[in-house]
Every structure is written in structure tokens, then in C-alpha cells.
């Protein structure tokens, strides 16, 4: 099946794929620090192991970084 991850089409071989599978496949080093959207909707971190991604889904890994300007 073809899914889009961070703007790039990915051909996934297999019957099903979870968010955790995608995070592992894409070698995300700190998945606990990543928020995930599927088709523009955020997914709860507790659901990463059970949320099934289907063909044509658009998945985005969002990395939030701290920082700012010192006064």
C-alpha cells in the first residue's frame, strides 16, 4: 500500500501498519518526543501501537523544539 510520510510516498509491504511501525521504520530516535498527525488529525501517543494507517493516508511526524530569544 502507498502512504505518505512527511510528504514522501512510501510503499509499505504488509497487511497493516501502526504508527509505532512507521516510527521504527523511519528510525525516529525519540518517538516519545514526536507528535503524529494522520490526515491532519493528531493521534494520542497512547494509541501509537494500535492506530492502523491505511492506504492513501498522509502521516506527519512533528518535532517540537524548545528555544527562544534571551532577553
PDB file of N, CA and C in Angstrom:
ATOM      1  N   UNK A   1       0.844  -1.179   0.000  1.00  0.00           N
ATOM      2  CA  UNK A   1       0.000   0.000   0.000  1.00  0.00           C
ATOM      3  C   UNK A   1       0.882   1.234   0.000  1.00  0.00           C
ATOM      4  N   UNK A   2       0.381   2.298  -0.560  1.00  0.00           N
ATOM      5  CA  UNK A   2       1.101   3.567  -0.624  1.00  0.00           C
ATOM      6  C   UNK A   2       0.538   4.507   0.445  1.00  0.00           C
ATOM      7  N   UNK A   3       1.430   5.004   1.303  1.00  0.00           N
ATOM      8  CA  UNK A   3       1.075   6.039   2.268  1.00  0.00           C
ATOM      9  C   UNK A   3       2.103   7.159   2.134  1.00  0.00           C
ATOM     10  N   UNK A   4       1.734   8.337   2.565  1.00  0.00           N
ATOM     11  CA  UNK A   4       2.643   9.475   2.503  1.00  0.00           C
ATOM     12  C   UNK A   4       3.114   9.795   3.919  1.00  0.00           C
ATOM     13  N   UNK A   5       4.428   9.806   4.109  1.00  0.00           N
ATOM     14  CA  UNK A   5       5.012  10.116   5.404  1.00  0.00           C
ATOM     15  C   UNK A   5       5.901  11.339   5.238  1.00  0.00           C
ATOM     16  N   UNK A   6       5.550  12.399   5.952  1.00  0.00           N
ATOM     17  CA  UNK A   6       6.293  13.667   5.876  1.00  0.00           C
ATOM     18  C   UNK A   6       6.474  14.128   4.432  1.00  0.00           C
ATOM     19  N   UNK A   7       5.426  13.992   3.640  1.00  0.00           N
ATOM     20  CA  UNK A   7       5.439  14.492   2.275  1.00  0.00           C
ATOM     21  C   UNK A   7       6.032  13.558   1.242  1.00  0.00           C
ATOM     22  N   UNK A   8       6.544  12.393   1.667  1.00  0.00           N
ATOM     23  CA  UNK A   8       7.132  11.442   0.722  1.00  0.00           C
ATOM     24  C   UNK A   8       6.311  10.159   0.678  1.00  0.00           C
ATOM     25  N   UNK A   9       6.007   9.714  -0.537  1.00  0.00           N
ATOM     26  CA  UNK A   9       5.269   8.465  -0.680  1.00  0.00           C
ATOM     27  C   UNK A   9       6.134   7.288  -0.261  1.00  0.00           C
ATOM     28  N   UNK A  10       5.511   6.383   0.501  1.00  0.00           N
ATOM     29  CA  UNK A  10       6.178   5.188   0.983  1.00  0.00           C
ATOM     30  C   UNK A  10       5.332   3.988   0.600  1.00  0.00           C
ATOM     31  N   UNK A  11       5.976   2.976   0.033  1.00  0.00           N
ATOM     32  CA  UNK A  11       5.274   1.742  -0.298  1.00  0.00           C
ATOM     33  C   UNK A  11       5.479   0.777   0.858  1.00  0.00           C
ATOM     34  N   UNK A  12       4.416   0.467   1.580  1.00  0.00           N
ATOM     35  CA  UNK A  12       4.506  -0.408   2.741  1.00  0.00           C
ATOM     36  C   UNK A  12       4.065  -1.807   2.342  1.00  0.00           C
ATOM     37  N   UNK A  13       4.964  -2.755   2.548  1.00  0.00           N
ATOM     38  CA  UNK A  13       4.665  -4.158   2.257  1.00  0.00           C
ATOM     39  C   UNK A  13       4.105  -4.782   3.523  1.00  0.00           C
ATOM     40  N   UNK A  14       2.892  -5.247   3.466  1.00  0.00           N
ATOM     41  CA  UNK A  14       2.291  -5.893   4.625  1.00  0.00           C
ATOM     42  C   UNK A  14       0.826  -5.566   4.729  1.00  0.00           C
ATOM     43  N   UNK A  15       0.150  -6.338   5.543  1.00  0.00           N
ATOM     44  CA  UNK A  15      -1.291  -6.206   5.663  1.00  0.00           C
ATOM     45  C   UNK A  15      -1.696  -4.978   6.469  1.00  0.00           C
ATOM     46  N   UNK A  16      -0.901  -4.646   7.493  1.00  0.00           N
ATOM     47  CA  UNK A  16      -1.262  -3.478   8.300  1.00  0.00           C
ATOM     48  C   UNK A  16      -0.006  -2.828   8.833  1.00  0.00           C
ATOM     49  N   UNK A  17      -0.145  -1.570   9.189  1.00  0.00           N
ATOM     50  CA  UNK A  17       0.963  -0.801   9.752  1.00  0.00           C
ATOM     51  C   UNK A  17       0.401   0.135  10.820  1.00  0.00           C
ATOM     52  N   UNK A  18       1.092   0.186  11.954  1.00  0.00           N
ATOM     53  CA  UNK A  18       0.711   1.105  13.024  1.00  0.00           C
ATOM     54  C   UNK A  18       1.664   2.302  13.013  1.00  0.00           C
ATOM     55  N   UNK A  19       1.329   3.287  13.794  1.00  0.00           N
ATOM     56  CA  UNK A  19       2.211   4.449  13.913  1.00  0.00           C
ATOM     57  C   UNK A  19       3.558   4.020  14.483  1.00  0.00           C
ATOM     58  N   UNK A  20       3.543   3.151  15.491  1.00  0.00           N
ATOM     59  CA  UNK A  20       4.810   2.661  16.045  1.00  0.00           C
ATOM     60  C   UNK A  20       5.653   1.982  14.976  1.00  0.00           C
ATOM     61  N   UNK A  21       5.023   1.216  14.070  1.00  0.00           N
ATOM     62  CA  UNK A  21       5.763   0.577  12.974  1.00  0.00           C
ATOM     63  C   UNK A  21       6.447   1.634  12.107  1.00  0.00           C
ATOM     64  N   UNK A  22       5.722   2.700  11.783  1.00  0.00           N
ATOM     65  CA  UNK A  22       6.290   3.759  10.940  1.00  0.00           C
ATOM     66  C   UNK A  22       7.423   4.496  11.654  1.00  0.00           C
ATOM     67  N   UNK A  23       7.234   4.781  12.931  1.00  0.00           N
ATOM     68  CA  UNK A  23       8.290   5.463  13.691  1.00  0.00           C
ATOM     69  C   UNK A  23       9.558   4.615  13.713  1.00  0.00           C
ATOM     70  N   UNK A  24       9.399   3.322  13.878  1.00  0.00           N
ATOM     71  CA  UNK A  24      10.545   2.414  13.881  1.00  0.00           C
ATOM     72  C   UNK A  24      11.176   2.334  12.493  1.00  0.00           C
ATOM     73  N   UNK A  25      10.349   2.169  11.478  1.00  0.00           N
ATOM     74  CA  UNK A  25      10.831   2.060  10.096  1.00  0.00           C
ATOM     75  C   UNK A  25      11.631   3.297   9.677  1.00  0.00           C
ATOM     76  N   UNK A  26      11.182   4.449  10.113  1.00  0.00           N
ATOM     77  CA  UNK A  26      11.846   5.710   9.761  1.00  0.00           C
ATOM     78  C   UNK A  26      12.937   6.090  10.761  1.00  0.00           C
ATOM     79  N   UNK A  27      13.241   5.163  11.660  1.00  0.00           N
ATOM     80  CA  UNK A  27      14.350   5.318  12.620  1.00  0.00           C
ATOM     81  C   UNK A  27      14.252   6.602  13.451  1.00  0.00           C
ATOM     82  N   UNK A  28      13.053   6.876  13.927  1.00  0.00           N
ATOM     83  CA  UNK A  28      12.861   8.024  14.805  1.00  0.00           C
ATOM     84  C   UNK A  28      13.487   7.678  16.155  1.00  0.00           C
ATOM     85  N   UNK A  29      14.494   8.452  16.548  1.00  0.00           N
ATOM     86  CA  UNK A  29      15.278   8.135  17.740  1.00  0.00           C
ATOM     87  C   UNK A  29      14.536   8.344  19.056  1.00  0.00           C
ATOM     88  N   UNK A  30      13.710   9.368  19.138  1.00  0.00           N
ATOM     89  CA  UNK A  30      12.973   9.644  20.373  1.00  0.00           C
ATOM     90  C   UNK A  30      11.484   9.773  20.056  1.00  0.00           C
ATOM     91  N   UNK A  31      10.815   8.648  19.801  1.00  0.00           N
ATOM     92  CA  UNK A  31       9.401   8.719  19.422  1.00  0.00           C
ATOM     93  C   UNK A  31       8.513   9.363  20.486  1.00  0.00           C
ATOM     94  N   UNK A  32       8.965   9.324  21.738  1.00  0.00           N
ATOM     95  CA  UNK A  32       8.183   9.955  22.802  1.00  0.00           C
ATOM     96  C   UNK A  32       8.168  11.474  22.667  1.00  0.00           C
ATOM     97  N   UNK A  33       9.066  12.015  21.854  1.00  0.00           N
ATOM     98  CA  UNK A  33       9.159  13.458  21.645  1.00  0.00           C
ATOM     99  C   UNK A  33       8.493  13.907  20.338  1.00  0.00           C
ATOM    100  N   UNK A  34       7.797  12.993  19.677  1.00  0.00           N
ATOM    101  CA  UNK A  34       7.194  13.275  18.377  1.00  0.00           C
ATOM    102  C   UNK A  34       5.675  13.235  18.495  1.00  0.00           C
ATOM    103  N   UNK A  35       5.028  14.217  17.909  1.00  0.00           N
ATOM    104  CA  UNK A  35       3.573  14.176  17.750  1.00  0.00           C
ATOM    105  C   UNK A  35       3.290  13.716  16.334  1.00  0.00           C
ATOM    106  N   UNK A  36       2.182  13.002  16.172  1.00  0.00           N
ATOM    107  CA  UNK A  36       1.851  12.444  14.865  1.00  0.00           C
ATOM    108  C   UNK A  36       0.453  12.885  14.454  1.00  0.00           C
ATOM    109  N   UNK A  37       0.369  13.282  13.197  1.00  0.00           N
ATOM    110  CA  UNK A  37      -0.931  13.592  12.591  1.00  0.00           C
ATOM    111  C   UNK A  37      -1.178  12.599  11.465  1.00  0.00           C
ATOM    112  N   UNK A  38      -2.426  12.157  11.364  1.00  0.00           N
ATOM    113  CA  UNK A  38      -2.860  11.376  10.204  1.00  0.00           C
ATOM    114  C   UNK A  38      -3.970  12.172   9.546  1.00  0.00           C
ATOM    115  N   UNK A  39      -3.748  12.522   8.288  1.00  0.00           N
ATOM    116  CA  UNK A  39      -4.713  13.312   7.524  1.00  0.00           C
ATOM    117  C   UNK A  39      -5.128  14.575   8.274  1.00  0.00           C
ATOM    118  N   UNK A  40      -4.140  15.205   8.933  1.00  0.00           N
ATOM    119  CA  UNK A  40      -4.374  16.473   9.606  1.00  0.00           C
ATOM    120  C   UNK A  40      -4.931  16.384  11.011  1.00  0.00           C
ATOM    121  N   UNK A  41      -5.159  15.165  11.526  1.00  0.00           N
ATOM    122  CA  UNK A  41      -5.712  14.980  12.861  1.00  0.00           C
ATOM    123  C   UNK A  41      -4.653  14.374  13.777  1.00  0.00           C
ATOM    124  N   UNK A  42      -4.443  15.001  14.930  1.00  0.00           N
ATOM    125  CA  UNK A  42      -3.465  14.478  15.882  1.00  0.00           C
ATOM    126  C   UNK A  42      -3.944  13.152  16.456  1.00  0.00           C
ATOM    127  N   UNK A  43      -2.982  12.256  16.706  1.00  0.00           N
ATOM    128  CA  UNK A  43      -3.252  10.955  17.308  1.00  0.00           C
ATOM    129  C   UNK A  43      -2.645  10.960  18.708  1.00  0.00           C
ATOM    130  N   UNK A  44      -3.395  10.484  19.705  1.00  0.00           N
ATOM    131  CA  UNK A  44      -2.873  10.384  21.072  1.00  0.00           C
ATOM    132  C   UNK A  44      -1.705   9.411  21.118  1.00  0.00           C
ATOM    133  N   UNK A  45      -0.676   9.772  21.863  1.00  0.00           N
ATOM    134  CA  UNK A  45       0.508   8.916  21.979  1.00  0.00           C
ATOM    135  C   UNK A  45       0.148   7.520  22.465  1.00  0.00           C
ATOM    136  N   UNK A  46      -0.849   7.406  23.332  1.00  0.00           N
ATOM    137  CA  UNK A  46      -1.240   6.105  23.852  1.00  0.00           C
ATOM    138  C   UNK A  46      -1.797   5.186  22.767  1.00  0.00           C
ATOM    139  N   UNK A  47      -2.160   5.754  21.617  1.00  0.00           N
ATOM    140  CA  UNK A  47      -2.737   4.974  20.523  1.00  0.00           C
ATOM    141  C   UNK A  47      -1.729   4.615  19.435  1.00  0.00           C
ATOM    142  N   UNK A  48      -0.459   5.006  19.587  1.00  0.00           N
ATOM    143  CA  UNK A  48       0.534   4.762  18.537  1.00  0.00           C
ATOM    144  C   UNK A  48       0.694   3.274  18.214  1.00  0.00           C
ATOM    145  N   UNK A  49       0.522   2.409  19.189  1.00  0.00           N
ATOM    146  CA  UNK A  49       0.683   0.978  18.961  1.00  0.00           C
ATOM    147  C   UNK A  49      -0.533   0.299  18.358  1.00  0.00           C
ATOM    148  N   UNK A  50      -1.687   0.973  18.388  1.00  0.00           N
ATOM    149  CA  UNK A  50      -2.917   0.346  17.902  1.00  0.00           C
ATOM    150  C   UNK A  50      -3.544   1.058  16.705  1.00  0.00           C
ATOM    151  N   UNK A  51      -3.198   2.316  16.490  1.00  0.00           N
ATOM    152  CA  UNK A  51      -3.781   3.073  15.373  1.00  0.00           C
ATOM    153  C   UNK A  51      -3.240   2.536  14.057  1.00  0.00           C
ATOM    154  N   UNK A  52      -4.131   2.034  13.222  1.00  0.00           N
ATOM    155  CA  UNK A  52      -3.758   1.447  11.934  1.00  0.00           C
ATOM    156  C   UNK A  52      -3.770   2.542  10.866  1.00  0.00           C
ATOM    157  N   UNK A  53      -2.699   2.608  10.104  1.00  0.00           N
ATOM    158  CA  UNK A  53      -2.592   3.520   8.969  1.00  0.00           C
ATOM    159  C   UNK A  53      -3.039   2.752   7.731  1.00  0.00           C
ATOM    160  N   UNK A  54      -3.869   3.367   6.914  1.00  0.00           N
ATOM    161  CA  UNK A  54      -4.398   2.697   5.726  1.00  0.00           C
ATOM    162  C   UNK A  54      -3.892   3.369   4.456  1.00  0.00           C
ATOM    163  N   UNK A  55      -4.068   2.686   3.341  1.00  0.00           N
ATOM    164  CA  UNK A  55      -3.609   3.199   2.047  1.00  0.00           C
ATOM    165  C   UNK A  55      -4.135   4.610   1.822  1.00  0.00           C
ATOM    166  N   UNK A  56      -3.269   5.445   1.280  1.00  0.00           N
ATOM    167  CA  UNK A  56      -3.552   6.837   0.922  1.00  0.00           C
ATOM    168  C   UNK A  56      -3.561   7.784   2.114  1.00  0.00           C
ATOM    169  N   UNK A  57      -3.309   7.288   3.336  1.00  0.00           N
ATOM    170  CA  UNK A  57      -3.207   8.187   4.483  1.00  0.00           C
ATOM    171  C   UNK A  57      -1.983   9.079   4.332  1.00  0.00           C
ATOM    172  N   UNK A  58      -2.084  10.289   4.892  1.00  0.00           N
ATOM    173  CA  UNK A  58      -0.961  11.211   4.953  1.00  0.00           C
ATOM    174  C   UNK A  58      -0.559  11.342   6.414  1.00  0.00           C
ATOM    175  N   UNK A  59       0.651  10.894   6.718  1.00  0.00           N
ATOM    176  CA  UNK A  59       1.158  10.876   8.081  1.00  0.00           C
ATOM    177  C   UNK A  59       2.271  11.906   8.209  1.00  0.00           C
ATOM    178  N   UNK A  60       2.198  12.698   9.269  1.00  0.00           N
ATOM    179  CA  UNK A  60       3.237  13.687   9.525  1.00  0.00           C
ATOM    180  C   UNK A  60       3.780  13.488  10.927  1.00  0.00           C
ATOM    181  N   UNK A  61       5.116  13.419  11.033  1.00  0.00           N
ATOM    182  CA  UNK A  61       5.800  13.408  12.315  1.00  0.00           C
ATOM    183  C   UNK A  61       6.170  14.853  12.619  1.00  0.00           C
ATOM    184  N   UNK A  62       5.748  15.352  13.756  1.00  0.00           N
ATOM    185  CA  UNK A  62       6.001  16.736  14.128  1.00  0.00           C
ATOM    186  C   UNK A  62       6.935  16.768  15.329  1.00  0.00           C
ATOM    187  N   UNK A  63       8.073  17.413  15.142  1.00  0.00           N
ATOM    188  CA  UNK A  63       9.082  17.514  16.175  1.00  0.00           C
ATOM    189  C   UNK A  63       9.011  18.903  16.787  1.00  0.00           C
ATOM    190  N   UNK A  64       8.761  18.978  18.081  1.00  0.00           N
ATOM    191  CA  UNK A  64       8.690  20.260  18.738  1.00  0.00           C
ATOM    192  C   UNK A  64       9.999  20.538  19.432  1.00  0.00           C
ATOM    193  N   UNK A  65      10.540  21.720  19.173  1.00  0.00           N
ATOM    194  CA  UNK A  65      11.814  22.100  19.753  1.00  0.00           C
ATOM    195  C   UNK A  65      11.634  23.323  20.632  1.00  0.00           C
ATOM    196  N   UNK A  66      12.272  23.268  21.767  1.00  0.00           N
ATOM    197  CA  UNK A  66      12.247  24.419  22.662  1.00  0.00           C
ATOM    198  C   UNK A  66      13.233  25.467  22.183  1.00  0.00           C
ATOM    199  N   UNK A  67      13.140  26.581  22.757  1.00  0.00           N
ATOM    200  CA  UNK A  67      14.079  27.633  22.407  1.00  0.00           C
ATOM    201  C   UNK A  67      13.410  28.988  22.513  1.00  0.00           C
ATOM    202  N   UNK A  68      14.080  29.929  22.075  1.00  0.00           N
ATOM    203  CA  UNK A  68      13.549  31.279  22.128  1.00  0.00           C
ATOM    204  C   UNK A  68      14.697  32.264  22.201  1.00  0.00           C
ATOM    205  N   UNK A  69      14.331  33.467  22.356  1.00  0.00           N
ATOM    206  CA  UNK A  69      15.320  34.537  22.370  1.00  0.00           C
ATOM    207  C   UNK A  69      15.560  34.962  23.813  1.00  0.00           C
ATOM    208  N   UNK A  70      16.807  35.043  24.176  1.00  0.00           N
ATOM    209  CA  UNK A  70      17.161  35.501  25.520  1.00  0.00           C
ATOM    210  C   UNK A  70      16.951  37.009  25.610  1.00  0.00           C
ATOM    211  N   UNK A  71      16.516  37.445  26.776  1.00  0.00           N
ATOM    212  CA  UNK A  71      16.292  38.889  26.976  1.00  0.00           C
ATOM    213  C   UNK A  71      17.539  39.560  27.451  1.00  0.00           C
TER     214      UNK A  71
END
